[in-house]
């Protein structure tokens, strides 16, 4: 198996030993992104909606760098810090995806200070079904 690391300067730089995404065997595996502004390195705000929107925009840049789009995404994992924030996250999430929706897992957990959401994804390249 060959694999290719994907990086883009349009998403926040990885802060540890990982790639924005890895392309392997016709699939694109995207690392988790948060609501960080690539220009400032800071979270875009305190609200779940604005953090979710920035998180998904960051993921979109990584998808594009890997030659994919939202239509290629087959699986998404969403990590949210508070159950009460689910509705706000889900509303913004719906702005980025259309039917047929990817499979999704939502986990409620602790994230880095100030972060309310982190999202990762898997895409199948080349229109495979």
N, C-alpha and C. Protein backbone atom coordinates (compact mmCIF):
# COMPACT_ATOMS: atom_id res chain seq x y z
N UNK A 1 0.85 -1.18 0.00
CA UNK A 1 0.00 0.00 0.00
C UNK A 1 0.89 1.24 0.00
N UNK A 2 0.57 2.18 -0.87
CA UNK A 2 1.25 3.47 -0.82
C UNK A 2 0.32 4.47 -0.17
N UNK A 3 0.92 5.43 0.51
CA UNK A 3 0.10 6.47 1.10
C UNK A 3 0.80 7.81 0.90
N UNK A 4 -0.02 8.85 0.80
CA UNK A 4 0.47 10.19 0.53
C UNK A 4 -0.08 11.14 1.59
N UNK A 5 0.80 11.89 2.22
CA UNK A 5 0.37 12.91 3.18
C UNK A 5 -0.16 14.12 2.43
N UNK A 6 -1.23 14.68 2.94
CA UNK A 6 -1.85 15.87 2.36
C UNK A 6 -1.74 17.01 3.36
N UNK A 7 -1.26 18.15 2.90
CA UNK A 7 -1.18 19.35 3.72
C UNK A 7 -1.71 20.52 2.90
N UNK A 8 -2.26 21.51 3.58
CA UNK A 8 -2.68 22.75 2.93
C UNK A 8 -2.42 23.90 3.88
N UNK A 9 -2.02 25.03 3.33
CA UNK A 9 -1.83 26.22 4.16
C UNK A 9 -3.15 26.95 4.41
N UNK A 10 -4.25 26.41 3.89
CA UNK A 10 -5.57 27.00 4.11
C UNK A 10 -6.25 26.47 5.37
N UNK A 11 -5.63 25.48 6.02
CA UNK A 11 -6.13 24.94 7.29
C UNK A 11 -5.04 25.12 8.34
N UNK A 12 -5.42 25.20 9.61
CA UNK A 12 -4.41 25.36 10.65
C UNK A 12 -3.35 24.26 10.59
N UNK A 13 -2.10 24.64 10.78
CA UNK A 13 -0.99 23.68 10.72
C UNK A 13 -1.12 22.65 11.84
N UNK A 14 -0.81 21.39 11.55
CA UNK A 14 -0.82 20.37 12.61
C UNK A 14 0.12 20.78 13.75
N UNK A 15 -0.32 20.51 14.97
CA UNK A 15 0.46 20.89 16.14
C UNK A 15 1.22 19.71 16.75
N UNK A 16 1.16 18.57 16.09
CA UNK A 16 1.85 17.37 16.57
C UNK A 16 2.26 16.55 15.35
N UNK A 17 2.57 15.30 15.55
CA UNK A 17 3.04 14.42 14.47
C UNK A 17 1.87 13.79 13.73
N UNK A 18 1.23 14.57 12.87
CA UNK A 18 0.15 14.05 12.03
C UNK A 18 0.03 14.91 10.79
N UNK A 19 -0.63 14.37 9.78
CA UNK A 19 -0.90 15.08 8.53
C UNK A 19 -2.32 15.62 8.55
N UNK A 20 -2.57 16.64 7.75
CA UNK A 20 -3.96 17.11 7.61
C UNK A 20 -4.84 15.95 7.14
N UNK A 21 -4.30 15.17 6.20
CA UNK A 21 -5.01 14.00 5.69
C UNK A 21 -3.98 13.04 5.11
N UNK A 22 -4.43 11.81 4.91
CA UNK A 22 -3.61 10.80 4.25
C UNK A 22 -4.46 10.17 3.15
N UNK A 23 -3.88 10.11 1.95
CA UNK A 23 -4.54 9.49 0.81
C UNK A 23 -3.95 8.10 0.65
N UNK A 24 -4.82 7.08 0.63
CA UNK A 24 -4.37 5.70 0.48
C UNK A 24 -5.49 4.86 -0.12
N UNK A 25 -5.15 4.03 -1.11
CA UNK A 25 -6.09 3.08 -1.70
C UNK A 25 -7.42 3.71 -2.10
N UNK A 26 -7.36 4.89 -2.73
CA UNK A 26 -8.56 5.54 -3.22
C UNK A 26 -9.42 6.18 -2.14
N UNK A 27 -8.83 6.34 -0.95
CA UNK A 27 -9.57 6.96 0.15
C UNK A 27 -8.76 8.10 0.72
N UNK A 28 -9.45 9.05 1.34
CA UNK A 28 -8.82 10.18 1.98
C UNK A 28 -9.28 10.20 3.44
N UNK A 29 -8.32 10.10 4.34
CA UNK A 29 -8.58 10.07 5.78
C UNK A 29 -8.17 11.43 6.36
N UNK A 30 -9.15 12.21 6.82
CA UNK A 30 -8.89 13.55 7.31
C UNK A 30 -8.73 13.56 8.82
N UNK A 31 -7.66 14.21 9.28
CA UNK A 31 -7.45 14.39 10.72
C UNK A 31 -8.50 15.35 11.28
N UNK A 32 -8.72 15.26 12.56
CA UNK A 32 -9.68 16.15 13.21
C UNK A 32 -9.28 17.60 13.09
N UNK A 33 -10.26 18.44 12.86
CA UNK A 33 -10.08 19.89 12.81
C UNK A 33 -10.97 20.53 13.87
N UNK A 34 -10.53 21.68 14.35
CA UNK A 34 -11.31 22.47 15.28
C UNK A 34 -11.63 23.82 14.66
N UNK A 35 -12.24 24.68 15.44
CA UNK A 35 -12.69 25.97 14.97
C UNK A 35 -11.63 27.06 15.01
N UNK A 36 -10.43 26.74 14.54
CA UNK A 36 -9.32 27.69 14.57
C UNK A 36 -9.20 28.44 13.25
N UNK A 37 -8.99 29.74 13.35
CA UNK A 37 -8.73 30.58 12.19
C UNK A 37 -7.29 30.38 11.77
N UNK A 38 -7.06 30.03 10.51
CA UNK A 38 -5.71 29.74 10.03
C UNK A 38 -4.81 30.98 10.10
N UNK A 39 -5.39 32.17 9.96
CA UNK A 39 -4.58 33.40 9.98
C UNK A 39 -4.10 33.76 11.38
N UNK A 40 -4.94 33.55 12.38
CA UNK A 40 -4.60 33.98 13.74
C UNK A 40 -4.16 32.84 14.64
N UNK A 41 -4.55 31.62 14.29
CA UNK A 41 -4.26 30.47 15.15
C UNK A 41 -5.17 30.40 16.37
N UNK A 42 -6.16 31.28 16.43
CA UNK A 42 -7.07 31.35 17.57
C UNK A 42 -8.44 30.77 17.21
N UNK A 43 -9.16 30.31 18.24
CA UNK A 43 -10.55 29.89 18.01
C UNK A 43 -11.35 31.10 17.53
N UNK A 44 -12.31 30.85 16.64
CA UNK A 44 -13.07 31.95 16.04
C UNK A 44 -14.06 32.59 17.01
N UNK A 45 -14.36 31.95 18.11
CA UNK A 45 -15.29 32.51 19.08
C UNK A 45 -15.69 31.45 20.08
N UNK A 46 -16.64 31.81 20.94
CA UNK A 46 -17.08 30.91 22.01
C UNK A 46 -18.29 30.07 21.64
N UNK A 47 -19.00 30.42 20.57
CA UNK A 47 -20.24 29.73 20.24
C UNK A 47 -20.03 28.46 19.44
N UNK A 48 -20.88 27.48 19.68
CA UNK A 48 -20.79 26.21 18.96
C UNK A 48 -21.03 26.40 17.47
N UNK A 49 -21.93 27.29 17.10
CA UNK A 49 -22.23 27.50 15.69
C UNK A 49 -21.01 28.04 14.94
N UNK A 50 -20.39 29.09 15.46
CA UNK A 50 -19.24 29.66 14.76
C UNK A 50 -18.05 28.70 14.76
N UNK A 51 -17.85 27.96 15.85
CA UNK A 51 -16.76 26.99 15.87
C UNK A 51 -17.02 25.84 14.90
N UNK A 52 -18.26 25.38 14.83
CA UNK A 52 -18.59 24.29 13.90
C UNK A 52 -18.40 24.74 12.45
N UNK A 53 -18.86 25.95 12.14
CA UNK A 53 -18.72 26.45 10.77
C UNK A 53 -17.24 26.55 10.38
N UNK A 54 -16.39 27.08 11.27
CA UNK A 54 -14.96 27.19 10.97
C UNK A 54 -14.32 25.81 10.86
N UNK A 55 -14.72 24.90 11.74
CA UNK A 55 -14.20 23.53 11.69
C UNK A 55 -14.49 22.90 10.33
N UNK A 56 -15.72 23.04 9.87
CA UNK A 56 -16.10 22.45 8.58
C UNK A 56 -15.43 23.17 7.41
N UNK A 57 -15.23 24.46 7.53
CA UNK A 57 -14.48 25.18 6.48
C UNK A 57 -13.04 24.68 6.43
N UNK A 58 -12.43 24.46 7.59
CA UNK A 58 -11.07 23.92 7.63
C UNK A 58 -11.03 22.54 6.97
N UNK A 59 -12.00 21.70 7.29
CA UNK A 59 -12.06 20.37 6.68
C UNK A 59 -12.27 20.47 5.17
N UNK A 60 -13.06 21.41 4.74
CA UNK A 60 -13.30 21.58 3.31
C UNK A 60 -11.99 21.91 2.58
N UNK A 61 -11.17 22.75 3.17
CA UNK A 61 -9.88 23.07 2.55
C UNK A 61 -9.00 21.83 2.44
N UNK A 62 -9.03 20.98 3.46
CA UNK A 62 -8.24 19.74 3.42
C UNK A 62 -8.80 18.80 2.37
N UNK A 63 -10.12 18.67 2.31
CA UNK A 63 -10.75 17.85 1.27
C UNK A 63 -10.29 18.30 -0.11
N UNK A 64 -10.36 19.59 -0.36
CA UNK A 64 -9.98 20.13 -1.66
C UNK A 64 -8.50 19.87 -1.96
N UNK A 65 -7.64 20.00 -0.95
CA UNK A 65 -6.21 19.73 -1.15
C UNK A 65 -5.96 18.28 -1.51
N UNK A 66 -6.85 17.40 -1.04
CA UNK A 66 -6.74 15.98 -1.33
C UNK A 66 -7.50 15.55 -2.57
N UNK A 67 -8.08 16.50 -3.30
CA UNK A 67 -8.81 16.19 -4.52
C UNK A 67 -10.21 15.68 -4.29
N UNK A 68 -10.83 16.08 -3.19
CA UNK A 68 -12.17 15.58 -2.84
C UNK A 68 -13.10 16.75 -2.54
N UNK A 69 -14.37 16.40 -2.33
CA UNK A 69 -15.40 17.38 -1.95
C UNK A 69 -16.31 16.74 -0.91
N UNK A 70 -17.26 17.51 -0.42
CA UNK A 70 -18.21 16.98 0.57
C UNK A 70 -18.98 15.78 -0.01
N UNK A 71 -19.22 15.77 -1.30
CA UNK A 71 -19.96 14.66 -1.92
C UNK A 71 -19.19 13.34 -1.81
N UNK A 72 -17.89 13.39 -1.61
CA UNK A 72 -17.06 12.19 -1.50
C UNK A 72 -16.99 11.63 -0.07
N UNK A 73 -17.46 12.40 0.90
CA UNK A 73 -17.35 12.01 2.31
C UNK A 73 -18.36 10.91 2.62
N UNK A 74 -17.86 9.81 3.20
CA UNK A 74 -18.71 8.68 3.54
C UNK A 74 -18.88 8.48 5.04
N UNK A 75 -17.98 9.06 5.83
CA UNK A 75 -18.04 8.88 7.28
C UNK A 75 -17.50 10.11 7.98
N UNK A 76 -18.17 10.50 9.06
CA UNK A 76 -17.78 11.67 9.84
C UNK A 76 -17.87 11.32 11.32
N UNK A 77 -16.88 11.80 12.07
CA UNK A 77 -16.94 11.70 13.54
C UNK A 77 -16.92 13.11 14.09
N UNK A 78 -17.89 13.40 14.96
CA UNK A 78 -18.04 14.71 15.57
C UNK A 78 -17.84 14.56 17.07
N UNK A 79 -16.97 15.39 17.62
CA UNK A 79 -16.71 15.40 19.06
C UNK A 79 -17.19 16.74 19.60
N UNK A 80 -18.10 16.70 20.56
CA UNK A 80 -18.72 17.90 21.12
C UNK A 80 -18.54 17.86 22.63
N UNK A 81 -18.28 19.03 23.23
CA UNK A 81 -18.00 19.05 24.66
C UNK A 81 -19.25 18.97 25.53
N UNK A 82 -20.39 19.44 25.03
CA UNK A 82 -21.60 19.44 25.86
C UNK A 82 -22.81 18.97 25.06
N UNK A 83 -23.59 18.10 25.65
CA UNK A 83 -24.79 17.58 24.99
C UNK A 83 -25.74 18.71 24.60
N UNK A 84 -25.81 19.74 25.42
CA UNK A 84 -26.71 20.87 25.14
C UNK A 84 -26.32 21.62 23.87
N UNK A 85 -25.10 21.43 23.37
CA UNK A 85 -24.62 22.11 22.17
C UNK A 85 -24.94 21.33 20.89
N UNK A 86 -25.51 20.14 21.01
CA UNK A 86 -25.74 19.28 19.85
C UNK A 86 -26.58 19.97 18.78
N UNK A 87 -27.68 20.58 19.16
CA UNK A 87 -28.59 21.18 18.18
C UNK A 87 -27.89 22.26 17.36
N UNK A 88 -27.11 23.11 18.00
CA UNK A 88 -26.40 24.17 17.28
C UNK A 88 -25.37 23.60 16.32
N UNK A 89 -24.64 22.58 16.76
CA UNK A 89 -23.67 21.93 15.89
C UNK A 89 -24.38 21.30 14.71
N UNK A 90 -25.46 20.59 14.96
CA UNK A 90 -26.18 19.86 13.92
C UNK A 90 -26.78 20.80 12.89
N UNK A 91 -27.24 21.96 13.31
CA UNK A 91 -27.81 22.94 12.39
C UNK A 91 -26.75 23.40 11.38
N UNK A 92 -25.57 23.74 11.87
CA UNK A 92 -24.49 24.18 10.98
C UNK A 92 -24.00 23.02 10.13
N UNK A 93 -23.89 21.85 10.70
CA UNK A 93 -23.47 20.64 9.97
C UNK A 93 -24.35 20.45 8.72
N UNK A 94 -25.64 20.69 8.89
CA UNK A 94 -26.59 20.54 7.79
C UNK A 94 -26.38 21.53 6.65
N UNK A 95 -25.65 22.60 6.89
CA UNK A 95 -25.34 23.56 5.83
C UNK A 95 -24.28 23.02 4.88
N UNK A 96 -23.53 22.01 5.29
CA UNK A 96 -22.40 21.50 4.51
C UNK A 96 -22.71 20.17 3.82
N UNK A 97 -23.70 19.44 4.29
CA UNK A 97 -23.98 18.11 3.75
C UNK A 97 -25.38 18.03 3.16
N UNK A 98 -25.51 17.22 2.10
CA UNK A 98 -26.81 16.95 1.51
C UNK A 98 -27.00 15.43 1.44
N UNK A 99 -28.21 15.01 1.18
CA UNK A 99 -28.50 13.58 1.07
C UNK A 99 -27.84 13.01 -0.18
N UNK A 100 -27.38 11.81 -0.16
CA UNK A 100 -27.35 10.92 0.99
C UNK A 100 -26.24 11.35 1.96
N UNK A 101 -26.61 11.51 3.22
CA UNK A 101 -25.68 11.96 4.23
C UNK A 101 -24.65 10.87 4.52
N UNK A 102 -23.44 11.30 4.91
CA UNK A 102 -22.45 10.29 5.32
C UNK A 102 -22.87 9.65 6.64
N UNK A 103 -22.30 8.49 6.91
CA UNK A 103 -22.48 7.90 8.24
C UNK A 103 -21.84 8.86 9.24
N UNK A 104 -22.38 8.91 10.46
CA UNK A 104 -21.84 9.84 11.45
C UNK A 104 -21.91 9.25 12.84
N UNK A 105 -20.86 9.51 13.59
CA UNK A 105 -20.82 9.21 15.02
C UNK A 105 -20.61 10.52 15.75
N UNK A 106 -21.39 10.77 16.79
CA UNK A 106 -21.20 11.96 17.62
C UNK A 106 -20.84 11.51 19.02
N UNK A 107 -19.75 12.06 19.53
CA UNK A 107 -19.23 11.70 20.85
C UNK A 107 -19.19 12.96 21.70
N UNK A 108 -19.62 12.86 22.93
CA UNK A 108 -19.54 13.97 23.87
C UNK A 108 -18.33 13.71 24.76
N UNK A 109 -17.42 14.70 24.77
CA UNK A 109 -16.13 14.48 25.42
C UNK A 109 -15.51 15.81 25.83
N UNK A 110 -14.35 15.71 26.46
CA UNK A 110 -13.57 16.89 26.80
C UNK A 110 -12.58 17.17 25.67
N UNK A 111 -12.48 18.42 25.25
CA UNK A 111 -11.53 18.84 24.22
C UNK A 111 -10.57 19.86 24.83
N UNK A 112 -9.64 20.36 24.02
CA UNK A 112 -8.70 21.38 24.48
C UNK A 112 -9.47 22.59 25.01
N UNK A 113 -8.86 23.36 25.89
CA UNK A 113 -9.54 24.52 26.48
C UNK A 113 -10.13 25.45 25.41
N UNK A 114 -11.42 25.76 25.58
CA UNK A 114 -12.12 26.66 24.68
C UNK A 114 -12.78 25.98 23.49
N UNK A 115 -12.28 24.81 23.12
CA UNK A 115 -12.86 24.10 21.97
C UNK A 115 -14.20 23.49 22.35
N UNK A 116 -15.18 23.66 21.47
CA UNK A 116 -16.49 23.06 21.68
C UNK A 116 -16.75 21.90 20.73
N UNK A 117 -15.96 21.82 19.63
CA UNK A 117 -16.20 20.80 18.62
C UNK A 117 -14.91 20.46 17.90
N UNK A 118 -14.78 19.21 17.52
CA UNK A 118 -13.73 18.73 16.63
C UNK A 118 -14.38 17.70 15.70
N UNK A 119 -13.98 17.73 14.43
CA UNK A 119 -14.60 16.83 13.45
C UNK A 119 -13.52 16.23 12.56
N UNK A 120 -13.63 14.92 12.30
CA UNK A 120 -12.77 14.28 11.30
C UNK A 120 -13.66 13.57 10.29
N UNK A 121 -13.08 13.08 9.20
CA UNK A 121 -13.89 12.50 8.14
C UNK A 121 -13.08 11.51 7.30
N UNK A 122 -13.82 10.70 6.54
CA UNK A 122 -13.23 9.79 5.56
C UNK A 122 -13.97 10.02 4.25
N UNK A 123 -13.21 10.12 3.15
CA UNK A 123 -13.80 10.31 1.83
C UNK A 123 -13.31 9.22 0.90
N UNK A 124 -14.16 8.83 -0.04
CA UNK A 124 -13.78 7.90 -1.09
C UNK A 124 -13.57 8.72 -2.36
N UNK A 125 -12.40 8.58 -2.96
CA UNK A 125 -12.02 9.39 -4.12
C UNK A 125 -12.46 8.74 -5.41
N UNK A 126 -12.68 9.57 -6.40
CA UNK A 126 -12.99 9.04 -7.73
C UNK A 126 -14.39 8.56 -7.92
N UNK A 127 -15.32 8.98 -7.08
CA UNK A 127 -16.72 8.63 -7.28
C UNK A 127 -17.04 7.18 -7.04
N UNK A 128 -16.20 6.47 -6.31
CA UNK A 128 -16.48 5.06 -6.01
C UNK A 128 -17.74 4.92 -5.19
N UNK A 129 -18.42 3.79 -5.35
CA UNK A 129 -19.65 3.60 -4.54
C UNK A 129 -19.61 2.26 -3.85
